[in-house]
Amino acid sequence: MTTLTIKDVPEPLAEHLRQRAARNHRSLQGELMSIIEQAAQADAGGVPTTPAHVTSAIGSRTAGGATVVGYDRRGQPITRQGWKTIEQIHAELKAKYPEPIDSGPSSIELIRADRDSR
């Protein structure tokens, strides 16, 4: 296998590629390989890896409420489900449980009980 190195990549471009890789559930290396494969196929007059009718579905919602954010190499949809910010999750849990739970056995008691039951 050949190793390619790209030097002096501007930080905004590198960050954009990292975010794109995360959206597609790939490593940065995997995302770059996908981009190179698509470019090589297009340059060779081949068929793009993602058909036009498939790319039009990106951003649409599935029956389960997930958003299609892309497609993998086999044409299977990559979906994003239930994304919330940490702040949203914190606010929901704070509303549901305004006070800490202080009752019940401690973790030490649970571990001792489990150990002693063996």
Protein backbone atom coordinates (compact mmCIF):
# COMPACT_ATOMS: atom_id res chain seq x y z
CA MET A 1 0.00 0.00 0.00
CA THR A 2 1.14 3.52 -0.75
CA THR A 3 1.23 6.16 1.97
CA LEU A 4 0.16 9.70 1.10
CA THR A 5 0.94 12.71 3.25
CA ILE A 6 -0.72 16.11 3.02
CA LYS A 7 1.28 18.93 4.57
CA ASP A 8 0.27 22.41 5.70
CA VAL A 9 -3.48 21.79 5.82
CA PRO A 10 -5.22 24.96 7.09
CA GLU A 11 -6.82 24.35 10.49
CA PRO A 12 -10.36 25.39 9.36
CA LEU A 13 -10.21 22.84 6.53
CA ALA A 14 -8.88 20.13 8.84
CA GLU A 15 -11.66 20.84 11.36
CA HIS A 16 -14.27 20.69 8.58
CA LEU A 17 -12.93 17.28 7.53
CA ARG A 18 -12.98 16.03 11.14
CA GLN A 19 -16.62 17.10 11.49
CA ARG A 20 -17.52 15.49 8.18
CA ALA A 21 -15.84 12.25 9.29
CA ALA A 22 -17.80 12.32 12.57
CA ARG A 23 -21.09 12.89 10.71
CA ASN A 24 -20.32 9.88 8.52
CA HIS A 25 -19.25 7.75 11.51
CA ARG A 26 -15.73 7.35 10.13
CA SER A 27 -12.23 8.11 11.25
CA LEU A 28 -10.47 11.01 9.55
CA GLN A 29 -8.40 8.44 7.62
CA GLY A 30 -11.57 6.63 6.50
CA GLU A 31 -13.24 9.87 5.44
CA LEU A 32 -10.21 10.94 3.41
CA MET A 33 -10.08 7.50 1.75
CA SER A 34 -13.77 7.81 0.84
CA ILE A 35 -13.20 11.26 -0.69
CA ILE A 36 -10.23 9.99 -2.69
CA GLU A 37 -12.18 6.93 -3.91
CA GLN A 38 -15.09 9.11 -5.07
CA ALA A 39 -12.73 11.52 -6.85
CA ALA A 40 -10.87 8.67 -8.56
CA GLN A 41 -14.11 7.07 -9.75
CA ALA A 42 -15.47 10.37 -11.03
CA ASP A 43 -12.19 11.13 -12.82
CA ALA A 44 -12.18 7.67 -14.41
CA GLY A 45 -15.72 8.22 -15.71
CA GLY A 46 -17.08 5.65 -13.30
CA VAL A 47 -20.34 5.73 -11.48
CA PRO A 48 -20.25 7.75 -8.23
CA THR A 49 -20.35 5.63 -5.09
CA THR A 50 -23.54 7.40 -3.93
CA PRO A 51 -26.28 7.51 -6.60
CA ALA A 52 -28.16 10.78 -7.17
CA HIS A 53 -31.46 9.34 -5.94
CA VAL A 54 -29.72 8.36 -2.71
CA THR A 55 -28.07 11.74 -2.08
CA SER A 56 -31.45 13.44 -2.37
CA ALA A 57 -32.56 11.42 0.68
CA ILE A 58 -29.78 12.84 2.87
CA GLY A 59 -31.34 15.02 5.54
CA SER A 60 -34.70 13.25 5.32
CA ARG A 61 -36.23 11.44 8.28
CA THR A 62 -36.81 7.71 8.47
CA ALA A 63 -39.94 6.04 9.86
CA GLY A 64 -38.24 5.74 13.26
CA GLY A 65 -37.55 9.48 13.41
CA ALA A 66 -33.83 9.23 12.67
CA THR A 67 -32.18 11.64 10.23
CA VAL A 68 -30.22 10.19 7.31
CA VAL A 69 -26.80 11.90 7.31
CA GLY A 70 -25.08 9.83 4.64
CA TYR A 71 -24.52 6.38 3.20
CA ASP A 72 -21.79 3.84 3.77
CA ARG A 73 -19.86 1.99 1.06
CA ARG A 74 -22.57 -0.66 0.76
CA GLY A 75 -25.29 1.94 0.25
CA GLN A 76 -26.75 1.48 3.73
CA PRO A 77 -28.04 4.71 5.33
CA ILE A 78 -26.07 6.27 8.17
CA THR A 79 -28.58 7.76 10.57
CA ARG A 80 -28.43 10.13 13.50
CA GLN A 81 -30.91 9.49 16.28
CA GLY A 82 -31.88 11.48 19.33
CA TRP A 83 -29.04 13.96 19.35
CA LYS A 84 -29.25 16.43 22.20
CA THR A 85 -26.68 18.74 23.66
CA ILE A 86 -25.27 18.06 27.12
CA GLU A 87 -27.08 21.16 28.35
CA GLN A 88 -30.44 19.83 27.10
CA ILE A 89 -29.90 16.46 28.75
CA HIS A 90 -28.81 18.14 32.00
CA ALA A 91 -31.90 20.40 32.02
CA GLU A 92 -34.24 17.44 31.43
CA LEU A 93 -32.66 15.36 34.20
CA LYS A 94 -32.63 18.34 36.58
CA ALA A 95 -36.36 18.86 35.95
CA LYS A 96 -37.08 15.16 36.45
CA TYR A 97 -34.86 14.75 39.52
CA PRO A 98 -34.55 18.14 41.24
CA GLU A 99 -33.00 16.68 44.39
CA PRO A 100 -30.23 14.08 44.62
CA ILE A 101 -31.32 10.57 45.58
CA ASP A 102 -29.96 9.98 49.08
CA SER A 103 -31.98 6.93 50.07
CA GLY A 104 -31.13 3.33 49.37
CA PRO A 105 -28.07 1.17 49.97
CA SER A 106 -24.62 2.53 49.33
CA SER A 107 -22.39 1.06 46.65
CA ILE A 108 -20.15 -0.39 49.37
CA GLU A 109 -23.09 -2.28 50.88
CA LEU A 110 -24.11 -3.62 47.46
CA ILE A 111 -20.58 -4.82 46.68
CA ARG A 112 -20.22 -6.51 50.08
CA ALA A 113 -23.61 -8.22 49.72
CA ASP A 114 -22.66 -9.47 46.26
CA ARG A 115 -19.26 -10.68 47.46
CA ASP A 116 -20.73 -12.44 50.49
CA SER A 117 -23.39 -14.20 48.43
CA ARG A 118 -20.74 -16.18 46.50
